[in-house]
Amino acid sequence: MSTMTLDLPTAVRDEVSAAVEAGIYADEEAFVADAVRTLLAARPDVREAVACRLYERGVYSLGKAAEWSNLDVEQMKLALHRREIERTAPETPEEVEAMARAALRTSGRDQS
């Protein structure tokens, strides 16, 4: 785990502290982690943008970015294209096979 320092407006800092003092969260980090998860669940556009950036950095493969953003692979490719992010091929053979099987199932041509 790495450390991140945030400068929060006083009002937000007071709200975070109050949530911890009320026993709703164990600490400020738990509050912020929950807030980020909630934001990402509520905002598919943010999930897509984050997935694209993580793909661009090489953190996520195409399949992982698609899965994380709740998009199919073709939608993920379009999202990368819209953001002018060049696609690479860091996918493992297993991921390529899984994407191919998913495409066959979607098309109704799955033979298994």
N, C-alpha and C. Protein backbone atom coordinates (compact mmCIF):
# COMPACT_ATOMS: atom_id res chain seq x y z
N MET A 1 0.85 -1.17 0.00
CA MET A 1 0.00 0.00 0.00
C MET A 1 0.89 1.23 0.00
N SER A 2 0.49 2.25 -0.76
CA SER A 2 1.26 3.48 -0.78
C SER A 2 0.48 4.59 -0.09
N THR A 3 1.18 5.65 0.23
CA THR A 3 0.57 6.77 0.94
C THR A 3 0.28 7.91 -0.02
N MET A 4 -0.87 8.54 0.18
CA MET A 4 -1.25 9.70 -0.60
C MET A 4 -1.66 10.80 0.38
N THR A 5 -1.17 11.99 0.15
CA THR A 5 -1.53 13.11 1.00
C THR A 5 -2.56 13.96 0.27
N LEU A 6 -3.66 14.25 0.96
CA LEU A 6 -4.72 15.07 0.38
C LEU A 6 -4.89 16.35 1.19
N ASP A 7 -4.99 17.45 0.50
CA ASP A 7 -5.34 18.71 1.13
C ASP A 7 -6.82 18.93 0.90
N LEU A 8 -7.61 18.80 1.96
CA LEU A 8 -9.05 18.94 1.86
C LEU A 8 -9.50 20.29 2.40
N PRO A 9 -10.57 20.83 1.81
CA PRO A 9 -11.14 22.04 2.40
C PRO A 9 -11.54 21.77 3.85
N THR A 10 -11.49 22.78 4.68
CA THR A 10 -11.78 22.62 6.10
C THR A 10 -13.13 21.96 6.34
N ALA A 11 -14.15 22.37 5.62
CA ALA A 11 -15.49 21.80 5.81
C ALA A 11 -15.49 20.30 5.52
N VAL A 12 -14.82 19.88 4.47
CA VAL A 12 -14.77 18.45 4.13
C VAL A 12 -13.97 17.70 5.19
N ARG A 13 -12.87 18.27 5.60
CA ARG A 13 -12.04 17.64 6.64
C ARG A 13 -12.87 17.45 7.93
N ASP A 14 -13.67 18.46 8.29
CA ASP A 14 -14.53 18.37 9.48
C ASP A 14 -15.56 17.25 9.32
N GLU A 15 -16.11 17.11 8.12
CA GLU A 15 -17.11 16.06 7.87
C GLU A 15 -16.48 14.67 7.98
N VAL A 16 -15.29 14.52 7.42
CA VAL A 16 -14.59 13.23 7.50
C VAL A 16 -14.29 12.90 8.96
N SER A 17 -13.78 13.87 9.68
CA SER A 17 -13.47 13.66 11.10
C SER A 17 -14.72 13.30 11.89
N ALA A 18 -15.83 13.97 11.60
CA ALA A 18 -17.08 13.69 12.31
C ALA A 18 -17.55 12.28 12.04
N ALA A 19 -17.41 11.80 10.81
CA ALA A 19 -17.81 10.43 10.49
C ALA A 19 -16.98 9.42 11.25
N VAL A 20 -15.68 9.70 11.40
CA VAL A 20 -14.80 8.82 12.17
C VAL A 20 -15.17 8.89 13.65
N GLU A 21 -15.37 10.10 14.18
CA GLU A 21 -15.73 10.28 15.59
C GLU A 21 -17.06 9.60 15.92
N ALA A 22 -17.98 9.59 14.96
CA ALA A 22 -19.28 8.95 15.17
C ALA A 22 -19.19 7.43 15.12
N GLY A 23 -18.03 6.91 14.77
CA GLY A 23 -17.84 5.47 14.73
C GLY A 23 -18.30 4.82 13.44
N ILE A 24 -18.64 5.64 12.44
CA ILE A 24 -19.09 5.09 11.17
C ILE A 24 -17.92 4.48 10.40
N TYR A 25 -16.76 5.09 10.52
CA TYR A 25 -15.53 4.60 9.87
C TYR A 25 -14.44 4.47 10.91
N ALA A 26 -13.55 3.52 10.68
CA ALA A 26 -12.44 3.29 11.61
C ALA A 26 -11.45 4.44 11.59
N ASP A 27 -11.24 5.02 10.41
CA ASP A 27 -10.29 6.12 10.28
C ASP A 27 -10.58 6.89 8.99
N GLU A 28 -9.82 7.95 8.77
CA GLU A 28 -10.03 8.79 7.59
C GLU A 28 -9.80 8.02 6.30
N GLU A 29 -8.83 7.12 6.31
CA GLU A 29 -8.53 6.35 5.11
C GLU A 29 -9.71 5.47 4.71
N ALA A 30 -10.37 4.88 5.69
CA ALA A 30 -11.54 4.04 5.40
C ALA A 30 -12.67 4.88 4.81
N PHE A 31 -12.84 6.08 5.32
CA PHE A 31 -13.87 6.98 4.80
C PHE A 31 -13.59 7.33 3.34
N VAL A 32 -12.34 7.73 3.06
CA VAL A 32 -11.99 8.13 1.69
C VAL A 32 -12.09 6.94 0.74
N ALA A 33 -11.65 5.76 1.17
CA ALA A 33 -11.75 4.57 0.31
C ALA A 33 -13.21 4.27 -0.02
N ASP A 34 -14.09 4.37 0.97
CA ASP A 34 -15.51 4.13 0.72
C ASP A 34 -16.09 5.21 -0.20
N ALA A 35 -15.68 6.44 0.00
CA ALA A 35 -16.18 7.53 -0.85
C ALA A 35 -15.77 7.31 -2.31
N VAL A 36 -14.54 6.86 -2.53
CA VAL A 36 -14.07 6.60 -3.90
C VAL A 36 -14.83 5.44 -4.51
N ARG A 37 -15.01 4.35 -3.76
CA ARG A 37 -15.78 3.20 -4.27
C ARG A 37 -17.20 3.61 -4.62
N THR A 38 -17.81 4.43 -3.77
CA THR A 38 -19.18 4.88 -4.01
C THR A 38 -19.25 5.75 -5.26
N LEU A 39 -18.30 6.65 -5.41
CA LEU A 39 -18.25 7.50 -6.61
C LEU A 39 -18.11 6.65 -7.87
N LEU A 40 -17.21 5.70 -7.84
CA LEU A 40 -16.98 4.87 -9.03
C LEU A 40 -18.21 4.01 -9.35
N ALA A 41 -18.93 3.57 -8.34
CA ALA A 41 -20.15 2.79 -8.58
C ALA A 41 -21.25 3.65 -9.18
N ALA A 42 -21.30 4.92 -8.77
CA ALA A 42 -22.37 5.82 -9.23
C ALA A 42 -22.06 6.49 -10.56
N ARG A 43 -20.80 6.51 -10.96
CA ARG A 43 -20.41 7.26 -12.15
C ARG A 43 -19.67 6.38 -13.16
N PRO A 44 -20.41 5.70 -14.04
CA PRO A 44 -19.77 4.85 -15.05
C PRO A 44 -18.80 5.63 -15.94
N ASP A 45 -19.07 6.91 -16.16
CA ASP A 45 -18.16 7.71 -16.98
C ASP A 45 -16.79 7.87 -16.31
N VAL A 46 -16.79 7.98 -14.99
CA VAL A 46 -15.52 8.09 -14.26
C VAL A 46 -14.79 6.75 -14.30
N ARG A 47 -15.54 5.64 -14.12
CA ARG A 47 -14.92 4.31 -14.19
C ARG A 47 -14.26 4.10 -15.56
N GLU A 48 -14.97 4.50 -16.62
CA GLU A 48 -14.43 4.35 -17.97
C GLU A 48 -13.15 5.17 -18.13
N ALA A 49 -13.18 6.41 -17.68
CA ALA A 49 -12.00 7.29 -17.81
C ALA A 49 -10.82 6.73 -17.03
N VAL A 50 -11.08 6.24 -15.82
CA VAL A 50 -10.01 5.67 -15.00
C VAL A 50 -9.45 4.41 -15.65
N ALA A 51 -10.33 3.55 -16.15
CA ALA A 51 -9.89 2.32 -16.82
C ALA A 51 -9.01 2.65 -18.02
N CYS A 52 -9.40 3.67 -18.77
CA CYS A 52 -8.61 4.08 -19.94
C CYS A 52 -7.22 4.54 -19.52
N ARG A 53 -7.14 5.33 -18.46
CA ARG A 53 -5.83 5.82 -18.01
C ARG A 53 -4.98 4.69 -17.47
N LEU A 54 -5.59 3.75 -16.74
CA LEU A 54 -4.82 2.63 -16.22
C LEU A 54 -4.35 1.73 -17.35
N TYR A 55 -5.16 1.59 -18.39
CA TYR A 55 -4.72 0.85 -19.58
C TYR A 55 -3.54 1.57 -20.24
N GLU A 56 -3.68 2.89 -20.39
CA GLU A 56 -2.63 3.68 -21.04
C GLU A 56 -1.30 3.57 -20.28
N ARG A 57 -1.37 3.51 -18.96
CA ARG A 57 -0.16 3.39 -18.13
C ARG A 57 0.41 1.98 -18.14
N GLY A 58 -0.36 1.01 -18.66
CA GLY A 58 0.10 -0.37 -18.66
C GLY A 58 -0.24 -1.12 -17.39
N VAL A 59 -1.06 -0.52 -16.53
CA VAL A 59 -1.48 -1.17 -15.29
C VAL A 59 -2.52 -2.24 -15.60
N TYR A 60 -3.45 -1.95 -16.52
CA TYR A 60 -4.51 -2.87 -16.91
C TYR A 60 -4.32 -3.30 -18.34
N SER A 61 -4.61 -4.57 -18.60
CA SER A 61 -4.70 -5.06 -19.98
C SER A 61 -6.05 -4.60 -20.53
N LEU A 62 -6.27 -4.81 -21.81
CA LEU A 62 -7.54 -4.45 -22.43
C LEU A 62 -8.70 -5.20 -21.74
N GLY A 63 -8.52 -6.49 -21.53
CA GLY A 63 -9.56 -7.29 -20.89
C GLY A 63 -9.85 -6.83 -19.47
N LYS A 64 -8.80 -6.55 -18.71
CA LYS A 64 -8.97 -6.10 -17.33
C LYS A 64 -9.64 -4.72 -17.29
N ALA A 65 -9.25 -3.81 -18.18
CA ALA A 65 -9.86 -2.48 -18.24
C ALA A 65 -11.34 -2.60 -18.57
N ALA A 66 -11.66 -3.46 -19.52
CA ALA A 66 -13.07 -3.66 -19.90
C ALA A 66 -13.85 -4.23 -18.72
N GLU A 67 -13.32 -5.25 -18.08
CA GLU A 67 -13.99 -5.87 -16.95
C GLU A 67 -14.20 -4.86 -15.81
N TRP A 68 -13.16 -4.11 -15.47
CA TRP A 68 -13.22 -3.16 -14.36
C TRP A 68 -14.21 -2.03 -14.62
N SER A 69 -14.31 -1.62 -15.88
CA SER A 69 -15.20 -0.50 -16.22
C SER A 69 -16.62 -0.96 -16.57
N ASN A 70 -16.85 -2.27 -16.49
CA ASN A 70 -18.16 -2.84 -16.85
C ASN A 70 -18.53 -2.61 -18.31
N LEU A 71 -17.53 -2.62 -19.17
CA LEU A 71 -17.74 -2.51 -20.61
C LEU A 71 -17.35 -3.84 -21.25
N ASP A 72 -17.89 -4.11 -22.44
CA ASP A 72 -17.35 -5.26 -23.16
C ASP A 72 -16.10 -4.78 -23.88
N VAL A 73 -15.35 -5.71 -24.43
CA VAL A 73 -14.06 -5.37 -25.03
C VAL A 73 -14.22 -4.37 -26.18
N GLU A 74 -15.24 -4.55 -27.00
CA GLU A 74 -15.44 -3.62 -28.12
C GLU A 74 -15.76 -2.21 -27.63
N GLN A 75 -16.58 -2.11 -26.58
CA GLN A 75 -16.88 -0.79 -26.01
C GLN A 75 -15.62 -0.17 -25.42
N MET A 76 -14.77 -0.99 -24.81
CA MET A 76 -13.52 -0.50 -24.24
C MET A 76 -12.61 0.01 -25.35
N LYS A 77 -12.55 -0.70 -26.44
CA LYS A 77 -11.74 -0.25 -27.58
C LYS A 77 -12.23 1.11 -28.07
N LEU A 78 -13.55 1.28 -28.15
CA LEU A 78 -14.10 2.57 -28.57
C LEU A 78 -13.78 3.68 -27.57
N ALA A 79 -13.84 3.35 -26.28
CA ALA A 79 -13.52 4.34 -25.25
C ALA A 79 -12.06 4.78 -25.38
N LEU A 80 -11.17 3.84 -25.63
CA LEU A 80 -9.75 4.19 -25.83
C LEU A 80 -9.58 5.05 -27.07
N HIS A 81 -10.28 4.69 -28.13
CA HIS A 81 -10.20 5.46 -29.38
C HIS A 81 -10.68 6.89 -29.17
N ARG A 82 -11.80 7.06 -28.46
CA ARG A 82 -12.33 8.40 -28.20
C ARG A 82 -11.33 9.26 -27.45
N ARG A 83 -10.53 8.63 -26.61
CA ARG A 83 -9.54 9.37 -25.82
C ARG A 83 -8.18 9.40 -26.51
N GLU A 84 -8.15 8.91 -27.74
CA GLU A 84 -6.92 8.88 -28.55
C GLU A 84 -5.79 8.14 -27.84
N ILE A 85 -6.16 7.04 -27.19
CA ILE A 85 -5.18 6.19 -26.52
C ILE A 85 -4.89 5.02 -27.44
N GLU A 86 -3.63 4.90 -27.81
CA GLU A 86 -3.23 3.83 -28.72
C GLU A 86 -3.28 2.50 -27.99
N ARG A 87 -3.85 1.52 -28.66
CA ARG A 87 -3.94 0.19 -28.06
C ARG A 87 -2.64 -0.57 -28.28
N THR A 88 -2.25 -1.28 -27.25
CA THR A 88 -1.11 -2.17 -27.31
C THR A 88 -1.64 -3.57 -27.05
N ALA A 89 -0.77 -4.52 -26.98
CA ALA A 89 -1.25 -5.90 -26.77
C ALA A 89 -0.54 -6.55 -25.58
N PRO A 90 -0.74 -6.03 -24.35
CA PRO A 90 -0.11 -6.67 -23.20
C PRO A 90 -0.92 -7.84 -22.65
N GLU A 91 -2.01 -8.21 -23.36
CA GLU A 91 -2.86 -9.27 -22.86
C GLU A 91 -2.11 -10.59 -22.86
N THR A 92 -2.38 -11.38 -21.86
CA THR A 92 -1.80 -12.71 -21.80
C THR A 92 -2.56 -13.60 -22.77
N PRO A 93 -1.97 -14.72 -23.16
CA PRO A 93 -2.70 -15.66 -24.03
C PRO A 93 -4.03 -16.10 -23.41
N GLU A 94 -4.05 -16.26 -22.09
CA GLU A 94 -5.28 -16.66 -21.42
C GLU A 94 -6.36 -15.58 -21.57
N GLU A 95 -5.96 -14.29 -21.44
CA GLU A 95 -6.92 -13.20 -21.60
C GLU A 95 -7.44 -13.13 -23.03
N VAL A 96 -6.56 -13.34 -24.00
CA VAL A 96 -6.99 -13.32 -25.41
C VAL A 96 -7.99 -14.45 -25.64
N GLU A 97 -7.70 -15.63 -25.11
CA GLU A 97 -8.62 -16.76 -25.26
C GLU A 97 -9.96 -16.47 -24.58
N ALA A 98 -9.92 -15.90 -23.38
CA ALA A 98 -11.16 -15.58 -22.66
C ALA A 98 -11.98 -14.54 -23.43
N MET A 99 -11.32 -13.54 -24.01
CA MET A 99 -12.04 -12.53 -24.79
C MET A 99 -12.65 -13.16 -26.04
N ALA A 100 -11.91 -14.08 -26.67
CA ALA A 100 -12.44 -14.74 -27.87
C ALA A 100 -13.65 -15.60 -27.51
N ARG A 101 -13.58 -16.33 -26.41
CA ARG A 101 -14.72 -17.15 -25.98
C ARG A 101 -15.93 -16.27 -25.66
N ALA A 102 -15.70 -15.15 -24.99
CA ALA A 102 -16.80 -14.23 -24.66
C ALA A 102 -17.43 -13.68 -25.93
N ALA A 103 -16.61 -13.36 -26.93
CA ALA A 103 -17.13 -12.85 -28.21
C ALA A 103 -17.97 -13.91 -28.91
N LEU A 104 -17.50 -15.16 -28.87
CA LEU A 104 -18.27 -16.25 -29.49
C LEU A 104 -19.60 -16.46 -28.77
N ARG A 105 -19.59 -16.40 -27.42
CA ARG A 105 -20.84 -16.55 -26.67
C ARG A 105 -21.80 -15.43 -27.02
N THR A 106 -21.29 -14.22 -27.08
CA THR A 106 -22.13 -13.06 -27.38
C THR A 106 -22.75 -13.18 -28.77
N SER A 107 -21.96 -13.70 -29.72
CA SER A 107 -22.46 -13.82 -31.09
C SER A 107 -23.35 -15.04 -31.28
N GLY A 108 -23.40 -15.90 -30.27
CA GLY A 108 -24.22 -17.12 -30.39
C GLY A 108 -23.53 -18.22 -31.16
N ARG A 109 -22.23 -18.10 -31.38
CA ARG A 109 -21.50 -19.11 -32.16
C ARG A 109 -20.61 -19.98 -31.29
N ASP A 110 -20.86 -19.99 -29.99
CA ASP A 110 -20.07 -20.79 -29.07
C ASP A 110 -20.35 -22.27 -29.33
N GLN A 111 -19.32 -23.06 -29.54
CA GLN A 111 -19.45 -24.48 -29.85
C GLN A 111 -19.33 -25.37 -28.62
N SER A 112 -19.07 -24.78 -27.45
CA SER A 112 -18.87 -25.63 -26.26
C SER A 112 -20.15 -25.88 -25.51
